[in-house]
């Protein structure tokens, strides 16, 4: 299904329309900050960015608890703003409040072969991990809705890690198939390759709310320290004098991220058996808490203004919907459905 000759090229430095989104997960953790939000903030200063709260996508795994999504949306957007997203520099909007997205999803789904969707690696993987109850029509069509999210906002670039390129390539193929049938109406999105780090959680697995192994952005210093004290470290380093392997230790990952100038010395002392894990964790916690202090202060200020998030989402959704309406009108005209 994929064609290496048509693989997406990194978007150039010229100002572009960028589209990215997140499913509303409520409280954010350090993995969100390092893996996505820092990139979002940087892109918003250099490009025309549309950032979507993908609440329809959340229904694929949370349809039985859909009443939680609105609160999760507010909490997540507060985290976005505290991390540095400026609504004056980007457009922040809610997916479900733009009905044109759902309509274009219906139209686009008419031309996408089921076999394309069934071959998406994460489809079977997530069913195996989360159970057959999520094997719904909406879950199968997730890549189509994802394509619509990008195409309807005329997204030229999408920030992705290397592992996400196959997913973006599927979106490009869907757009090409539509344009083949109806003319060049939709844009093929290009990849903005980002070095998204694999952020380990306290147990060594990828940081995730579902694993309850996250270092949360909204926690207090003491709560963060308590979590770090339980963090998985090199199992071969039982005593301080044992030689360690910092490259395999989650604590060292965060030293490189939040205490980079001292990371080489920390690695040397660890390998030489001159640095114990207890001391290392306490030192890392100090630097992590110091780095998060401004963000946490902004979060408290935002929480003190309950209507602030509502106003930002209302304004952003209004702007995004105007873009969506124009794109949908072009699609329906090309398909002979307007007039």
Protein backbone atom coordinates (compact mmCIF):
# COMPACT_ATOMS: atom_id res chain seq x y z
CA UNK A 1 0.00 0.00 0.00
CA UNK A 2 2.89 2.35 0.67
CA UNK A 3 5.20 3.75 -1.96
CA UNK A 4 8.65 4.75 -0.76
CA UNK A 5 9.03 7.12 -3.70
CA UNK A 6 6.14 9.18 -2.35
CA UNK A 7 7.29 9.18 1.26
CA UNK A 8 6.74 12.55 2.96
CA UNK A 9 9.62 14.97 3.03
CA UNK A 10 10.30 17.24 6.00
CA UNK A 11 8.54 20.59 5.74
CA UNK A 12 10.90 23.44 4.96
CA UNK A 13 11.44 26.43 7.22
CA UNK A 14 8.99 28.66 5.30
CA UNK A 15 5.82 29.51 7.20
CA UNK A 16 3.27 26.71 6.81
CA UNK A 17 -0.20 25.73 8.01
CA UNK A 18 0.46 23.13 10.73
CA UNK A 19 -2.15 20.81 12.22
CA UNK A 20 -1.68 18.66 15.32
CA UNK A 21 -3.89 17.33 18.06
CA UNK A 22 -4.22 15.26 21.20
CA UNK A 23 -6.97 13.17 22.66
CA UNK A 24 -8.16 14.81 25.91
CA UNK A 25 -6.49 12.87 28.68
CA UNK A 26 -7.05 15.29 31.56
CA UNK A 27 -3.92 15.94 33.62
CA UNK A 28 -0.69 15.96 31.62
CA UNK A 29 2.64 14.43 32.53
CA UNK A 30 6.26 15.17 31.69
CA UNK A 31 6.05 12.79 28.73
CA UNK A 32 3.46 15.07 27.12
CA UNK A 33 5.73 18.06 27.70
CA UNK A 34 8.88 16.53 26.23
CA UNK A 35 7.14 14.44 23.58
CA UNK A 36 4.73 17.00 22.11
CA UNK A 37 4.07 20.28 23.90
CA UNK A 38 7.56 21.74 23.60
CA UNK A 39 7.37 21.04 19.87
CA UNK A 40 3.90 22.61 19.65
CA UNK A 41 5.12 25.78 21.34
CA UNK A 42 8.14 26.06 19.05
CA UNK A 43 6.06 25.51 15.91
CA UNK A 44 3.44 28.06 16.98
CA UNK A 45 6.09 30.75 17.02
CA UNK A 46 7.13 30.04 13.43
CA UNK A 47 4.04 28.72 11.66
CA UNK A 48 0.25 29.07 11.38
CA UNK A 49 -0.76 26.32 13.82
CA UNK A 50 -4.08 24.62 14.47
CA UNK A 51 -4.13 22.52 17.63
CA UNK A 52 -7.12 20.21 18.05
CA UNK A 53 -8.63 18.70 21.17
CA UNK A 54 -9.51 15.38 19.56
CA UNK A 55 -12.49 14.46 21.72
CA UNK A 56 -14.17 12.36 19.01
CA UNK A 57 -11.04 10.24 18.88
CA UNK A 58 -11.29 9.80 22.65
CA UNK A 59 -14.62 8.03 22.16
CA UNK A 60 -12.89 5.12 20.43
CA UNK A 61 -11.65 3.84 23.79
CA UNK A 62 -13.77 5.88 26.21
CA UNK A 63 -17.28 5.64 24.78
CA UNK A 64 -18.55 4.08 28.01
CA UNK A 65 -17.22 7.03 30.03
CA UNK A 66 -17.96 9.84 27.61
CA UNK A 67 -19.20 12.07 30.43
CA UNK A 68 -15.57 12.51 31.55
CA UNK A 69 -14.35 13.98 28.27
CA UNK A 70 -15.52 17.59 28.81
CA UNK A 71 -13.65 17.91 32.11
CA UNK A 72 -10.61 16.20 30.61
CA UNK A 73 -10.70 18.72 27.76
CA UNK A 74 -10.58 21.72 30.10
CA UNK A 75 -7.81 20.20 32.19
CA UNK A 76 -5.70 19.32 29.17
CA UNK A 77 -6.05 22.74 27.57
CA UNK A 78 -5.03 24.36 30.86
CA UNK A 79 -1.89 22.25 30.65
CA UNK A 80 -1.29 23.35 27.07
CA UNK A 81 -1.54 27.00 28.03
CA UNK A 82 0.69 26.56 31.07
CA UNK A 83 3.27 24.83 28.86
CA UNK A 84 3.47 27.97 26.74
CA UNK A 85 0.89 27.77 23.96
CA UNK A 86 -0.31 31.32 23.29
CA UNK A 87 -3.84 31.58 21.84
CA UNK A 88 -2.73 34.80 20.16
CA UNK A 89 -0.18 32.80 18.16
CA UNK A 90 -2.18 29.64 17.38
CA UNK A 91 -5.72 28.30 17.04
CA UNK A 92 -6.94 25.92 19.75
CA UNK A 93 -10.28 24.22 19.09
CA UNK A 94 -12.49 21.24 19.96
CA UNK A 95 -13.04 18.58 17.31
CA UNK A 96 -16.66 17.69 18.18
CA UNK A 97 -17.78 21.32 18.04
CA UNK A 98 -17.06 21.42 14.31
CA UNK A 99 -19.77 19.29 12.63
CA UNK A 100 -18.06 19.68 9.26
CA UNK A 101 -15.37 17.30 10.50
CA UNK A 102 -17.92 14.55 11.01
CA UNK A 103 -19.53 15.23 7.64
CA UNK A 104 -16.24 15.09 5.77
CA UNK A 105 -15.38 11.91 7.67
CA UNK A 106 -18.54 10.33 6.24
CA UNK A 107 -17.72 11.46 2.71
CA UNK A 108 -14.08 10.39 2.85
CA UNK A 109 -14.94 7.01 4.35
CA UNK A 110 -16.85 6.18 1.16
CA UNK A 111 -13.63 6.00 -0.86
CA UNK A 112 -11.27 4.31 1.63
CA UNK A 113 -10.87 0.52 1.19
CA UNK A 114 -11.49 -1.46 4.38
CA UNK A 115 -8.33 -3.47 3.66
CA UNK A 116 -6.24 -0.33 4.08
CA UNK A 117 -7.62 0.20 7.57
CA UNK A 118 -7.29 -3.42 8.63
CA UNK A 119 -3.60 -3.36 7.78
CA UNK A 120 -2.84 -0.49 10.18
CA UNK A 121 -0.49 -2.11 12.74
CA UNK A 122 -1.98 -0.37 15.75
CA UNK A 123 -5.49 -1.62 14.91
CA UNK A 124 -4.84 -5.24 15.88
CA UNK A 125 -2.21 -4.34 18.46
CA UNK A 126 -4.57 -2.14 20.48
CA UNK A 127 -7.42 -4.62 20.23
CA UNK A 128 -5.06 -7.25 21.62
CA UNK A 129 -3.99 -4.90 24.41
CA UNK A 130 -7.30 -3.25 25.29
CA UNK A 131 -9.79 -6.00 24.40
CA UNK A 132 -12.24 -6.77 21.62
CA UNK A 133 -14.86 -4.38 23.01
CA UNK A 134 -13.02 -1.48 21.33
CA UNK A 135 -13.23 -3.17 17.90
CA UNK A 136 -15.95 -0.78 16.75
CA UNK A 137 -16.67 0.83 13.41
CA UNK A 138 -15.29 4.08 14.78
CA UNK A 139 -12.07 2.44 15.94
CA UNK A 140 -11.53 0.85 12.53
CA UNK A 141 -12.14 4.23 10.89
CA UNK A 142 -9.78 6.11 13.21
CA UNK A 143 -7.22 6.74 10.42
CA UNK A 144 -9.93 8.25 8.20
CA UNK A 145 -10.99 10.68 10.92
CA UNK A 146 -7.35 11.48 11.54
CA UNK A 147 -6.95 12.27 7.86
CA UNK A 148 -10.00 14.53 7.97
CA UNK A 149 -8.59 16.40 10.97
CA UNK A 150 -5.58 17.36 8.89
CA UNK A 151 -7.22 17.86 5.51
CA UNK A 152 -10.17 19.94 6.63
CA UNK A 153 -7.85 22.54 8.19
CA UNK A 154 -5.74 22.58 5.02
CA UNK A 155 -2.81 21.26 7.02
CA UNK A 156 0.43 21.36 5.05
CA UNK A 157 2.59 19.90 7.80
CA UNK A 158 2.10 17.54 10.74
CA UNK A 159 4.68 17.10 13.52
CA UNK A 160 5.48 13.40 13.80
CA UNK A 161 8.19 11.14 15.11
CA UNK A 162 9.88 8.60 12.86
CA UNK A 163 7.59 5.85 14.18
CA UNK A 164 4.50 7.80 13.13
CA UNK A 165 5.49 8.24 9.48
CA UNK A 166 3.50 5.17 8.32
CA UNK A 167 0.33 6.67 9.80
CA UNK A 168 0.88 9.96 8.01
CA UNK A 169 1.63 8.11 4.79
CA UNK A 170 -1.77 6.42 5.03
CA UNK A 171 -3.36 9.88 5.32
CA UNK A 172 -1.47 10.95 2.22
CA UNK A 173 -2.70 7.88 0.35
CA UNK A 174 -6.30 8.58 1.34
CA UNK A 175 -5.96 12.16 0.09
CA UNK A 176 -4.41 10.95 -3.18
CA UNK A 177 -7.23 8.48 -3.70
CA UNK A 178 -9.86 11.16 -3.13
CA UNK A 179 -8.09 13.61 -5.45
CA UNK A 180 -7.77 10.89 -8.12
CA UNK A 181 -11.54 10.50 -8.22
CA UNK A 182 -12.63 14.12 -7.77
CA UNK A 183 -9.73 16.38 -8.74
CA UNK A 184 -7.07 18.06 -6.65
CA UNK A 185 -9.13 19.39 -3.78
CA UNK A 186 -7.35 18.20 -0.64
CA UNK A 187 -3.73 18.84 0.30
CA UNK A 188 -1.28 16.02 0.93
CA UNK A 189 0.22 16.73 4.37
CA UNK A 190 3.96 16.60 4.77
CA UNK A 191 5.88 15.42 7.79
CA UNK A 192 7.60 17.75 10.18
CA UNK A 193 10.07 15.26 11.56
CA UNK A 194 10.64 15.76 15.26
CA UNK A 195 13.04 13.96 17.54
CA UNK A 196 10.29 13.00 19.93
CA UNK A 197 12.01 11.22 22.80
CA UNK A 198 10.86 8.00 24.34
CA UNK A 199 10.04 9.28 27.80
CA UNK A 200 10.28 6.56 30.46
CA UNK A 201 7.90 6.37 33.37
CA UNK A 202 8.68 5.51 36.95
CA UNK A 203 8.53 1.79 36.15
CA UNK A 204 10.79 1.97 33.10
CA UNK A 205 7.97 1.57 30.58
CA UNK A 206 6.86 4.44 28.37
CA UNK A 207 5.28 7.15 30.50
CA UNK A 208 1.51 6.78 30.26
CA UNK A 209 -1.52 7.56 32.38
CA UNK A 210 -2.83 4.06 31.72
CA UNK A 211 0.27 2.64 33.45
CA UNK A 212 0.05 5.12 36.35
CA UNK A 213 3.79 5.69 35.97
CA UNK A 214 3.81 9.39 35.15
CA UNK A 215 5.47 12.42 36.65
CA UNK A 216 2.54 14.81 36.50
CA UNK A 217 2.93 18.46 35.56
CA UNK A 218 0.36 19.62 38.13
CA UNK A 219 1.85 17.85 41.14
CA UNK A 220 3.59 19.57 44.05
CA UNK A 221 7.33 19.31 44.55
CA UNK A 222 6.83 16.82 47.37
CA UNK A 223 4.46 14.66 45.31
CA UNK A 224 6.97 14.60 42.47
CA UNK A 225 9.79 13.65 44.82
CA UNK A 226 7.69 10.83 46.29
CA UNK A 227 7.08 9.40 42.81
CA UNK A 228 10.75 9.73 41.86
CA UNK A 229 11.81 7.84 44.99
CA UNK A 230 9.93 4.82 43.63
CA UNK A 231 11.48 5.10 40.18
CA UNK A 232 12.98 2.06 38.52
CA UNK A 233 16.78 2.19 38.22
CA UNK A 234 19.58 -0.06 37.00
CA UNK A 235 18.82 -3.47 38.61
CA UNK A 236 22.52 -4.38 38.57
CA UNK A 237 23.44 -1.41 40.78
CA UNK A 238 22.39 -2.65 44.20
CA UNK A 239 24.94 -0.70 46.23
CA UNK A 240 26.38 2.76 45.69
CA UNK A 241 29.80 1.28 44.92
CA UNK A 242 28.45 -1.04 42.20
CA UNK A 243 29.20 0.18 38.66
CA UNK A 244 26.02 1.49 37.04
CA UNK A 245 24.69 1.73 33.50
CA UNK A 246 23.18 5.23 33.20
CA UNK A 247 22.17 4.75 29.56
CA UNK A 248 19.56 2.20 30.75
CA UNK A 249 18.36 4.18 33.75
CA UNK A 250 15.18 6.35 33.59
CA UNK A 251 16.59 8.66 36.26
CA UNK A 252 19.54 9.49 34.02
CA UNK A 253 17.18 10.22 31.12
CA UNK A 254 15.67 13.04 33.17
CA UNK A 255 19.10 14.26 34.22
CA UNK A 256 19.98 14.69 30.55
CA UNK A 257 16.67 16.49 29.94
CA UNK A 258 16.62 18.82 32.95
CA UNK A 259 20.25 18.92 34.17
CA UNK A 260 22.17 18.56 30.89
CA UNK A 261 25.33 20.42 31.92
CA UNK A 262 25.98 17.92 34.72
CA UNK A 263 24.84 14.79 32.87
CA UNK A 264 28.35 13.72 31.72
CA UNK A 265 29.72 13.98 35.27
CA UNK A 266 26.69 12.11 36.66
CA UNK A 267 27.20 9.32 34.13
CA UNK A 268 30.89 9.07 35.01
CA UNK A 269 30.25 8.90 38.76
CA UNK A 270 27.50 6.33 38.26
CA UNK A 271 29.72 4.06 36.18
CA UNK A 272 32.57 4.46 38.65
CA UNK A 273 30.44 3.48 41.63
CA UNK A 274 30.70 6.93 43.19
CA UNK A 275 27.03 7.93 42.93
CA UNK A 276 24.16 6.10 44.64
CA UNK A 277 20.65 5.88 43.26
CA UNK A 278 19.07 7.59 46.28
CA UNK A 279 21.33 10.63 45.89
CA UNK A 280 20.82 10.64 42.12
CA UNK A 281 17.03 10.58 42.45
CA UNK A 282 17.01 13.45 44.95
CA UNK A 283 19.24 15.53 42.69
CA UNK A 284 17.11 14.80 39.63
CA UNK A 285 13.93 15.70 41.53
CA UNK A 286 15.40 19.11 42.46
CA UNK A 287 16.22 19.95 38.87
CA UNK A 288 12.90 18.64 37.52
CA UNK A 289 10.89 20.60 40.07
CA UNK A 290 12.90 23.74 39.35
CA UNK A 291 12.25 23.38 35.62
CA UNK A 292 8.52 22.84 36.17
CA UNK A 293 8.09 25.67 38.69
CA UNK A 294 7.17 28.39 36.13
CA UNK A 295 4.72 26.04 34.39
CA UNK A 296 3.07 25.13 37.67
CA UNK A 297 2.75 28.78 38.60
CA UNK A 298 1.06 29.54 35.26
CA UNK A 299 -1.25 26.58 35.79
CA UNK A 300 -2.39 27.96 39.14
CA UNK A 301 -3.02 31.36 37.56
CA UNK A 302 -5.07 29.83 34.73
CA UNK A 303 -7.10 27.74 37.18
CA UNK A 304 -8.02 30.93 39.02
CA UNK A 305 -9.78 32.23 35.87
CA UNK A 306 -12.46 29.60 35.12
CA UNK A 307 -13.86 31.33 32.01
CA UNK A 308 -10.45 31.86 30.41
CA UNK A 309 -10.27 28.38 28.85
CA UNK A 310 -13.90 28.57 27.70
CA UNK A 311 -13.25 31.84 25.87
CA UNK A 312 -10.11 30.52 24.20
CA UNK A 313 -11.89 27.38 22.98
CA UNK A 314 -14.90 29.37 21.77
CA UNK A 315 -12.74 31.80 19.77
CA UNK A 316 -10.48 29.08 18.41
CA UNK A 317 -13.35 26.80 17.43
CA UNK A 318 -15.10 29.66 15.62
CA UNK A 319 -11.97 30.35 13.57
CA UNK A 320 -11.30 26.67 12.87
CA UNK A 321 -14.91 26.06 11.85
CA UNK A 322 -14.74 28.79 9.23
CA UNK A 323 -11.76 26.99 7.69
CA UNK A 324 -13.58 23.65 7.89
CA UNK A 325 -16.69 25.05 6.24
CA UNK A 326 -14.69 26.36 3.30
CA UNK A 327 -12.90 23.04 2.79
CA UNK A 328 -16.12 21.01 3.02
CA UNK A 329 -17.82 23.27 0.49
CA UNK A 330 -14.98 22.61 -1.97
CA UNK A 331 -15.19 18.86 -1.37
CA UNK A 332 -18.95 18.71 -1.90
CA UNK A 333 -18.70 20.79 -5.02
CA UNK A 334 -16.04 18.46 -6.43
CA UNK A 335 -18.26 15.46 -5.64
CA UNK A 336 -21.30 17.07 -7.21
CA UNK A 337 -23.16 17.25 -3.90
CA UNK A 338 -23.62 21.01 -3.64
CA UNK A 339 -26.18 23.28 -5.19
